[in-house]
Amino acid sequence: MRARTTLMDGYLRARVQLINQSRLEFSEYIQLSSTGQIQVVTYSYHWANERNQLIRRWDNTPHFPELPNFPHHIHDCDEHVVIAGEAVSIFVVLDEVGRHL
């Protein structure tokens, strides 16, 4: 796990091996707003099987502007299969992964 922080922002990246040998890699860049709230600016939650094949990735990289809820989207089982998503947190992702384990 790596983390870089200042007083106003931070970057967290981790790689976790799961009980079924799949892997969850995630990164978040967060900032402290002027009102003192923590905001996730960018995120990527990448879940792959034991052969490193994509199961699902949630992210908000702004490269699919035609999708509803841009920039939030999901890569589903293949890098080229992209569906609209919603803003998610690591907790939402962990709940979904847990339901499939």
Protein backbone atom coordinates (compact mmCIF):
# COMPACT_ATOMS: atom_id res chain seq x y z
CA MET A 1 0.00 0.00 0.00
CA ARG A 2 1.25 3.48 -0.82
CA ALA A 3 -0.06 6.79 0.44
CA ARG A 4 1.00 10.37 -0.30
CA THR A 5 -0.56 13.21 1.60
CA THR A 6 -0.42 16.93 2.22
CA LEU A 7 -2.61 18.98 4.54
CA MET A 8 -5.27 19.39 1.81
CA ASP A 9 -5.12 16.21 -0.28
CA GLY A 10 -4.00 12.62 -0.39
CA TYR A 11 -3.47 9.66 -2.68
CA LEU A 12 -4.01 6.06 -1.61
CA ARG A 13 -3.21 2.97 -3.63
CA ALA A 14 -3.50 -0.64 -2.46
CA ARG A 15 -3.41 -4.17 -3.86
CA VAL A 16 -5.32 -6.83 -1.93
CA GLN A 17 -5.27 -10.60 -2.54
CA LEU A 18 -8.71 -12.05 -1.79
CA ILE A 19 -9.61 -15.44 -0.35
CA ASN A 20 -10.49 -16.90 -3.78
CA GLN A 21 -7.13 -15.71 -5.20
CA SER A 22 -8.73 -12.84 -7.12
CA ARG A 23 -7.18 -9.41 -6.57
CA LEU A 24 -8.60 -5.98 -5.90
CA GLU A 25 -6.40 -3.00 -6.74
CA PHE A 26 -7.65 0.45 -5.96
CA SER A 27 -6.56 4.04 -5.94
CA GLU A 28 -8.23 7.19 -4.72
CA TYR A 29 -7.15 10.81 -4.90
CA ILE A 30 -8.94 12.83 -2.23
CA GLN A 31 -9.08 16.51 -1.33
CA LEU A 32 -10.31 18.41 1.67
CA SER A 33 -12.95 20.93 0.60
CA SER A 34 -13.18 24.47 1.91
CA THR A 35 -16.03 23.27 4.14
CA GLY A 36 -13.87 20.54 5.69
CA GLN A 37 -15.48 17.63 3.80
CA ILE A 38 -13.34 14.90 2.24
CA GLN A 39 -14.09 14.52 -1.46
CA VAL A 40 -12.93 11.69 -3.69
CA VAL A 41 -11.68 13.42 -6.84
CA THR A 42 -10.60 10.39 -8.85
CA TYR A 43 -10.96 6.68 -8.20
CA SER A 44 -10.27 3.31 -9.76
CA TYR A 45 -11.28 -0.05 -8.27
CA HIS A 46 -9.93 -2.91 -10.40
CA TRP A 47 -11.01 -6.49 -9.62
CA ALA A 48 -9.27 -9.32 -11.51
CA ASN A 49 -9.26 -13.09 -11.20
CA GLU A 50 -6.27 -15.26 -10.33
CA ARG A 51 -5.19 -15.26 -14.02
CA ASN A 52 -5.26 -11.43 -14.00
CA GLN A 53 -8.36 -11.32 -16.21
CA LEU A 54 -10.66 -8.40 -15.55
CA ILE A 55 -13.81 -9.16 -13.60
CA ARG A 56 -14.91 -5.54 -13.15
CA ARG A 57 -13.42 -2.08 -12.87
CA TRP A 58 -15.19 1.00 -11.56
CA ASP A 59 -13.57 4.35 -12.35
CA ASN A 60 -14.18 7.97 -13.20
CA THR A 61 -11.49 8.59 -15.79
CA PRO A 62 -13.22 11.01 -18.21
CA HIS A 63 -12.99 9.03 -21.44
CA PHE A 64 -16.61 7.99 -22.17
CA PRO A 65 -18.52 11.30 -22.38
CA GLU A 66 -21.47 9.71 -24.22
CA LEU A 67 -22.45 7.56 -21.23
CA PRO A 68 -25.04 8.65 -18.67
CA ASN A 69 -23.51 9.77 -15.36
CA PHE A 70 -20.26 10.70 -17.11
CA PRO A 71 -17.47 10.31 -16.00
CA HIS A 72 -18.52 7.36 -13.79
CA HIS A 73 -18.44 4.03 -15.63
CA ILE A 74 -17.77 0.30 -15.27
CA HIS A 75 -15.62 -2.02 -17.36
CA ASP A 76 -17.48 -5.34 -17.16
CA CYS A 77 -15.42 -8.52 -17.78
CA ASP A 78 -13.57 -6.87 -20.69
CA GLU A 79 -11.77 -3.54 -21.17
CA HIS A 80 -13.99 -2.87 -24.19
CA VAL A 81 -17.32 -3.60 -22.48
CA VAL A 82 -18.17 -0.32 -20.78
CA ILE A 83 -21.44 0.53 -19.09
CA ALA A 84 -22.70 3.60 -17.29
CA GLY A 85 -21.93 3.71 -13.60
CA GLU A 86 -22.47 5.85 -10.56
CA ALA A 87 -20.02 7.38 -8.14
CA VAL A 88 -18.92 4.57 -5.82
CA SER A 89 -16.69 4.22 -2.80
CA ILE A 90 -14.38 1.43 -1.71
CA PHE A 91 -17.14 0.31 0.68
CA VAL A 92 -19.67 -0.16 -2.14
CA VAL A 93 -17.08 -2.08 -4.17
CA LEU A 94 -16.15 -4.31 -1.22
CA ASP A 95 -19.83 -5.11 -0.66
CA GLU A 96 -20.25 -6.14 -4.30
CA VAL A 97 -17.06 -8.20 -4.35
CA GLY A 98 -18.11 -9.87 -1.09
CA ARG A 99 -21.45 -10.92 -2.59
CA HIS A 100 -19.57 -12.78 -5.34
CA LEU A 101 -17.05 -14.57 -3.12
